[in-house]
Amino acid sequence: MLLENQNINLLRERILDYVWGYDFYEVNDNTLTVTIKRLRSKLGDYGNHIKTIRGIGYRWDNE
């Protein structure tokens, strides 16, 4: 989802809905934060492209 929407700020709710579907209300709010942290770690240097937009969500930044 991040790569398909490069350089676009994605809302946390939109990401939760995309990944976990309509049941995201049952998902702990911290789940997305932990998942992004693990994704950054697994991507190695490419993980630096995932930027946190405080109070909004995340963005894949090509710069």
PDB file of N, CA and C in Angstrom:
ATOM      1  N   MET A   1       0.826  -1.188   0.000  1.00  0.00           N
ATOM      2  CA  MET A   1       0.000   0.000   0.000  1.00  0.00           C
ATOM      3  C   MET A   1       0.866   1.246   0.000  1.00  0.00           C
ATOM      4  N   LEU A   2       1.929   1.228   0.785  1.00  0.00           N
ATOM      5  CA  LEU A   2       2.817   2.386   0.839  1.00  0.00           C
ATOM      6  C   LEU A   2       3.489   2.628  -0.504  1.00  0.00           C
ATOM      7  N   LEU A   3       3.927   1.559  -1.170  1.00  0.00           N
ATOM      8  CA  LEU A   3       4.584   1.709  -2.459  1.00  0.00           C
ATOM      9  C   LEU A   3       3.607   2.133  -3.553  1.00  0.00           C
ATOM     10  N   GLU A   4       2.386   1.700  -3.467  1.00  0.00           N
ATOM     11  CA  GLU A   4       1.377   2.094  -4.452  1.00  0.00           C
ATOM     12  C   GLU A   4       0.991   3.559  -4.305  1.00  0.00           C
ATOM     13  N   ASN A   5       1.241   4.144  -3.144  1.00  0.00           N
ATOM     14  CA  ASN A   5       0.880   5.535  -2.852  1.00  0.00           C
ATOM     15  C   ASN A   5       2.106   6.318  -2.403  1.00  0.00           C
ATOM     16  N   GLN A   6       3.172   6.232  -3.166  1.00  0.00           N
ATOM     17  CA  GLN A   6       4.424   6.883  -2.791  1.00  0.00           C
ATOM     18  C   GLN A   6       4.245   8.392  -2.660  1.00  0.00           C
ATOM     19  N   ASN A   7       4.894   8.947  -1.647  1.00  0.00           N
ATOM     20  CA  ASN A   7       4.890  10.383  -1.354  1.00  0.00           C
ATOM     21  C   ASN A   7       3.496  10.928  -1.032  1.00  0.00           C
ATOM     22  N   ILE A   8       2.594  10.053  -0.616  1.00  0.00           N
ATOM     23  CA  ILE A   8       1.250  10.459  -0.197  1.00  0.00           C
ATOM     24  C   ILE A   8       1.075  10.063   1.259  1.00  0.00           C
ATOM     25  N   ASN A   9       0.608  10.991   2.082  1.00  0.00           N
ATOM     26  CA  ASN A   9       0.356  10.693   3.483  1.00  0.00           C
ATOM     27  C   ASN A   9      -0.876   9.791   3.584  1.00  0.00           C
ATOM     28  N   LEU A  10      -0.696   8.631   4.207  1.00  0.00           N
ATOM     29  CA  LEU A  10      -1.787   7.681   4.381  1.00  0.00           C
ATOM     30  C   LEU A  10      -2.253   7.699   5.833  1.00  0.00           C
ATOM     31  N   LEU A  11      -3.538   7.861   6.020  1.00  0.00           N
ATOM     32  CA  LEU A  11      -4.109   7.876   7.360  1.00  0.00           C
ATOM     33  C   LEU A  11      -3.971   6.511   8.013  1.00  0.00           C
ATOM     34  N   ARG A  12      -3.756   6.522   9.325  1.00  0.00           N
ATOM     35  CA  ARG A  12      -3.646   5.273  10.071  1.00  0.00           C
ATOM     36  C   ARG A  12      -4.887   4.408   9.858  1.00  0.00           C
ATOM     37  N   GLU A  13      -6.070   5.026   9.885  1.00  0.00           N
ATOM     38  CA  GLU A  13      -7.312   4.292   9.736  1.00  0.00           C
ATOM     39  C   GLU A  13      -7.399   3.621   8.364  1.00  0.00           C
ATOM     40  N   ARG A  14      -6.916   4.308   7.340  1.00  0.00           N
ATOM     41  CA  ARG A  14      -6.952   3.744   5.989  1.00  0.00           C
ATOM     42  C   ARG A  14      -6.027   2.530   5.894  1.00  0.00           C
ATOM     43  N   ILE A  15      -4.851   2.625   6.506  1.00  0.00           N
ATOM     44  CA  ILE A  15      -3.913   1.504   6.502  1.00  0.00           C
ATOM     45  C   ILE A  15      -4.486   0.331   7.276  1.00  0.00           C
ATOM     46  N   LEU A  16      -5.050   0.604   8.451  1.00  0.00           N
ATOM     47  CA  LEU A  16      -5.659  -0.454   9.257  1.00  0.00           C
ATOM     48  C   LEU A  16      -6.764  -1.158   8.488  1.00  0.00           C
ATOM     49  N   ASP A  17      -7.605  -0.394   7.812  1.00  0.00           N
ATOM     50  CA  ASP A  17      -8.701  -0.975   7.045  1.00  0.00           C
ATOM     51  C   ASP A  17      -8.162  -1.799   5.874  1.00  0.00           C
ATOM     52  N   TYR A  18      -7.118  -1.323   5.225  1.00  0.00           N
ATOM     53  CA  TYR A  18      -6.536  -2.022   4.079  1.00  0.00           C
ATOM     54  C   TYR A  18      -5.898  -3.348   4.501  1.00  0.00           C
ATOM     55  N   VAL A  19      -5.185  -3.328   5.619  1.00  0.00           N
ATOM     56  CA  VAL A  19      -4.445  -4.515   6.052  1.00  0.00           C
ATOM     57  C   VAL A  19      -5.330  -5.495   6.817  1.00  0.00           C
ATOM     58  N   TRP A  20      -6.113  -4.990   7.744  1.00  0.00           N
ATOM     59  CA  TRP A  20      -6.897  -5.875   8.612  1.00  0.00           C
ATOM     60  C   TRP A  20      -8.372  -5.907   8.265  1.00  0.00           C
ATOM     61  N   GLY A  21      -8.810  -5.139   7.309  1.00  0.00           N
ATOM     62  CA  GLY A  21     -10.207  -5.142   6.884  1.00  0.00           C
ATOM     63  C   GLY A  21     -11.109  -4.421   7.858  1.00  0.00           C
ATOM     64  N   TYR A  22     -12.374  -4.714   7.760  1.00  0.00           N
ATOM     65  CA  TYR A  22     -13.370  -4.010   8.563  1.00  0.00           C
ATOM     66  C   TYR A  22     -13.293  -4.362  10.043  1.00  0.00           C
ATOM     67  N   ASP A  23     -12.521  -5.371  10.389  1.00  0.00           N
ATOM     68  CA  ASP A  23     -12.377  -5.762  11.784  1.00  0.00           C
ATOM     69  C   ASP A  23     -11.300  -4.956  12.498  1.00  0.00           C
ATOM     70  N   PHE A  24     -10.805  -3.879  11.872  1.00  0.00           N
ATOM     71  CA  PHE A  24      -9.710  -3.137  12.486  1.00  0.00           C
ATOM     72  C   PHE A  24     -10.115  -2.486  13.797  1.00  0.00           C
ATOM     73  N   TYR A  25     -11.413  -2.369  14.061  1.00  0.00           N
ATOM     74  CA  TYR A  25     -11.836  -1.824  15.351  1.00  0.00           C
ATOM     75  C   TYR A  25     -11.477  -2.773  16.488  1.00  0.00           C
ATOM     76  N   GLU A  26     -11.294  -4.043  16.162  1.00  0.00           N
ATOM     77  CA  GLU A  26     -10.902  -5.029  17.160  1.00  0.00           C
ATOM     78  C   GLU A  26      -9.383  -5.095  17.318  1.00  0.00           C
ATOM     79  N   VAL A  27      -8.650  -4.408  16.427  1.00  0.00           N
ATOM     80  CA  VAL A  27      -7.190  -4.400  16.464  1.00  0.00           C
ATOM     81  C   VAL A  27      -6.724  -3.293  17.394  1.00  0.00           C
ATOM     82  N   ASN A  28      -5.773  -3.614  18.250  1.00  0.00           N
ATOM     83  CA  ASN A  28      -5.200  -2.628  19.157  1.00  0.00           C
ATOM     84  C   ASN A  28      -4.543  -1.520  18.344  1.00  0.00           C
ATOM     85  N   ASP A  29      -4.684  -0.273  18.770  1.00  0.00           N
ATOM     86  CA  ASP A  29      -4.126   0.877  18.056  1.00  0.00           C
ATOM     87  C   ASP A  29      -2.606   0.768  17.920  1.00  0.00           C
ATOM     88  N   ASN A  30      -1.968   0.125  18.871  1.00  0.00           N
ATOM     89  CA  ASN A  30      -0.518  -0.024  18.854  1.00  0.00           C
ATOM     90  C   ASN A  30      -0.055  -1.074  17.838  1.00  0.00           C
ATOM     91  N   THR A  31      -0.966  -1.882  17.347  1.00  0.00           N
ATOM     92  CA  THR A  31      -0.621  -2.942  16.400  1.00  0.00           C
ATOM     93  C   THR A  31       0.018  -2.383  15.147  1.00  0.00           C
ATOM     94  N   LEU A  32      -0.518  -1.306  14.607  1.00  0.00           N
ATOM     95  CA  LEU A  32       0.041  -0.714  13.392  1.00  0.00           C
ATOM     96  C   LEU A  32       1.436  -0.168  13.652  1.00  0.00           C
ATOM     97  N   THR A  33       1.638   0.476  14.776  1.00  0.00           N
ATOM     98  CA  THR A  33       2.949   1.019  15.125  1.00  0.00           C
ATOM     99  C   THR A  33       3.994  -0.088  15.193  1.00  0.00           C
ATOM    100  N   VAL A  34       3.667  -1.178  15.840  1.00  0.00           N
ATOM    101  CA  VAL A  34       4.584  -2.305  15.968  1.00  0.00           C
ATOM    102  C   VAL A  34       4.833  -2.946  14.605  1.00  0.00           C
ATOM    103  N   THR A  35       3.785  -3.077  13.795  1.00  0.00           N
ATOM    104  CA  THR A  35       3.925  -3.667  12.462  1.00  0.00           C
ATOM    105  C   THR A  35       4.841  -2.822  11.585  1.00  0.00           C
ATOM    106  N   ILE A  36       4.696  -1.510  11.627  1.00  0.00           N
ATOM    107  CA  ILE A  36       5.558  -0.618  10.843  1.00  0.00           C
ATOM    108  C   ILE A  36       7.004  -0.730  11.324  1.00  0.00           C
ATOM    109  N   LYS A  37       7.194  -0.811  12.630  1.00  0.00           N
ATOM    110  CA  LYS A  37       8.548  -0.958  13.171  1.00  0.00           C
ATOM    111  C   LYS A  37       9.192  -2.247  12.665  1.00  0.00           C
ATOM    112  N   ARG A  38       8.456  -3.345  12.679  1.00  0.00           N
ATOM    113  CA  ARG A  38       8.974  -4.629  12.202  1.00  0.00           C
ATOM    114  C   ARG A  38       9.236  -4.597  10.703  1.00  0.00           C
ATOM    115  N   LEU A  39       8.356  -3.945   9.958  1.00  0.00           N
ATOM    116  CA  LEU A  39       8.539  -3.815   8.514  1.00  0.00           C
ATOM    117  C   LEU A  39       9.802  -3.028   8.192  1.00  0.00           C
ATOM    118  N   ARG A  40      10.014  -1.928   8.902  1.00  0.00           N
ATOM    119  CA  ARG A  40      11.242  -1.142   8.705  1.00  0.00           C
ATOM    120  C   ARG A  40      12.474  -1.994   8.964  1.00  0.00           C
ATOM    121  N   SER A  41      12.427  -2.781  10.006  1.00  0.00           N
ATOM    122  CA  SER A  41      13.556  -3.626  10.364  1.00  0.00           C
ATOM    123  C   SER A  41      13.831  -4.667   9.277  1.00  0.00           C
ATOM    124  N   LYS A  42      12.779  -5.296   8.775  1.00  0.00           N
ATOM    125  CA  LYS A  42      12.939  -6.329   7.753  1.00  0.00           C
ATOM    126  C   LYS A  42      13.397  -5.756   6.421  1.00  0.00           C
ATOM    127  N   LEU A  43      13.060  -4.508   6.136  1.00  0.00           N
ATOM    128  CA  LEU A  43      13.450  -3.889   4.879  1.00  0.00           C
ATOM    129  C   LEU A  43      14.883  -3.372   4.891  1.00  0.00           C
ATOM    130  N   GLY A  44      15.510  -3.375   6.045  1.00  0.00           N
ATOM    131  CA  GLY A  44      16.895  -2.891   6.134  1.00  0.00           C
ATOM    132  C   GLY A  44      16.986  -1.418   5.778  1.00  0.00           C
ATOM    133  N   ASP A  45      17.894  -1.077   4.861  1.00  0.00           N
ATOM    134  CA  ASP A  45      18.076   0.326   4.466  1.00  0.00           C
ATOM    135  C   ASP A  45      16.831   0.907   3.813  1.00  0.00           C
ATOM    136  N   TYR A  46      16.041   0.077   3.141  1.00  0.00           N
ATOM    137  CA  TYR A  46      14.810   0.561   2.514  1.00  0.00           C
ATOM    138  C   TYR A  46      13.762   0.970   3.548  1.00  0.00           C
ATOM    139  N   GLY A  47      13.898   0.478   4.756  1.00  0.00           N
ATOM    140  CA  GLY A  47      12.974   0.851   5.826  1.00  0.00           C
ATOM    141  C   GLY A  47      13.018   2.324   6.153  1.00  0.00           C
ATOM    142  N   ASN A  48      14.124   2.980   5.808  1.00  0.00           N
ATOM    143  CA  ASN A  48      14.247   4.428   6.050  1.00  0.00           C
ATOM    144  C   ASN A  48      13.314   5.239   5.159  1.00  0.00           C
ATOM    145  N   HIS A  49      12.746   4.614   4.140  1.00  0.00           N
ATOM    146  CA  HIS A  49      11.815   5.317   3.257  1.00  0.00           C
ATOM    147  C   HIS A  49      10.433   5.471   3.889  1.00  0.00           C
ATOM    148  N   ILE A  50      10.136   4.686   4.912  1.00  0.00           N
ATOM    149  CA  ILE A  50       8.839   4.792   5.592  1.00  0.00           C
ATOM    150  C   ILE A  50       8.943   5.897   6.634  1.00  0.00           C
ATOM    151  N   LYS A  51       8.198   6.956   6.410  1.00  0.00           N
ATOM    152  CA  LYS A  51       8.216   8.108   7.301  1.00  0.00           C
ATOM    153  C   LYS A  51       6.937   8.147   8.121  1.00  0.00           C
ATOM    154  N   THR A  52       7.099   8.490   9.397  1.00  0.00           N
ATOM    155  CA  THR A  52       5.957   8.669  10.282  1.00  0.00           C
ATOM    156  C   THR A  52       5.478  10.107  10.169  1.00  0.00           C
ATOM    157  N   ILE A  53       4.202  10.281   9.934  1.00  0.00           N
ATOM    158  CA  ILE A  53       3.591  11.601   9.897  1.00  0.00           C
ATOM    159  C   ILE A  53       2.767  11.713  11.181  1.00  0.00           C
ATOM    160  N   ARG A  54       3.317  12.427  12.140  1.00  0.00           N
ATOM    161  CA  ARG A  54       2.689  12.502  13.471  1.00  0.00           C
ATOM    162  C   ARG A  54       1.243  12.958  13.401  1.00  0.00           C
ATOM    163  N   GLY A  55       0.407  12.215  14.090  1.00  0.00           N
ATOM    164  CA  GLY A  55      -1.011  12.543  14.170  1.00  0.00           C
ATOM    165  C   GLY A  55      -1.803  12.188  12.926  1.00  0.00           C
ATOM    166  N   ILE A  56      -1.131  11.670  11.889  1.00  0.00           N
ATOM    167  CA  ILE A  56      -1.818  11.348  10.637  1.00  0.00           C
ATOM    168  C   ILE A  56      -1.642   9.880  10.285  1.00  0.00           C
ATOM    169  N   GLY A  57      -0.393   9.475  10.037  1.00  0.00           N
ATOM    170  CA  GLY A  57      -0.145   8.096   9.619  1.00  0.00           C
ATOM    171  C   GLY A  57       1.269   7.914   9.112  1.00  0.00           C
ATOM    172  N   TYR A  58       1.392   7.373   7.907  1.00  0.00           N
ATOM    173  CA  TYR A  58       2.707   7.035   7.358  1.00  0.00           C
ATOM    174  C   TYR A  58       2.769   7.391   5.879  1.00  0.00           C
ATOM    175  N   ARG A  59       4.001   7.483   5.366  1.00  0.00           N
ATOM    176  CA  ARG A  59       4.234   7.793   3.968  1.00  0.00           C
ATOM    177  C   ARG A  59       5.508   7.093   3.508  1.00  0.00           C
ATOM    178  N   TRP A  60       5.530   6.601   2.266  1.00  0.00           N
ATOM    179  CA  TRP A  60       6.739   6.082   1.649  1.00  0.00           C
ATOM    180  C   TRP A  60       7.379   7.274   0.944  1.00  0.00           C
ATOM    181  N   ASP A  61       8.551   7.670   1.388  1.00  0.00           N
ATOM    182  CA  ASP A  61       9.245   8.845   0.865  1.00  0.00           C
ATOM    183  C   ASP A  61      10.406   8.382  -0.005  1.00  0.00           C
ATOM    184  N   ASN A  62      10.428   8.769  -1.267  1.00  0.00           N
ATOM    185  CA  ASN A  62      11.472   8.361  -2.190  1.00  0.00           C
ATOM    186  C   ASN A  62      12.775   9.130  -1.997  1.00  0.00           C
ATOM    187  N   GLU A  63      12.745  10.210  -1.294  1.00  0.00           N
ATOM    188  CA  GLU A  63      13.960  11.024  -1.147  1.00  0.00           C
ATOM    189  C   GLU A  63      14.843  10.523  -0.054  1.00  0.00           C
TER     190      GLU A  63
END
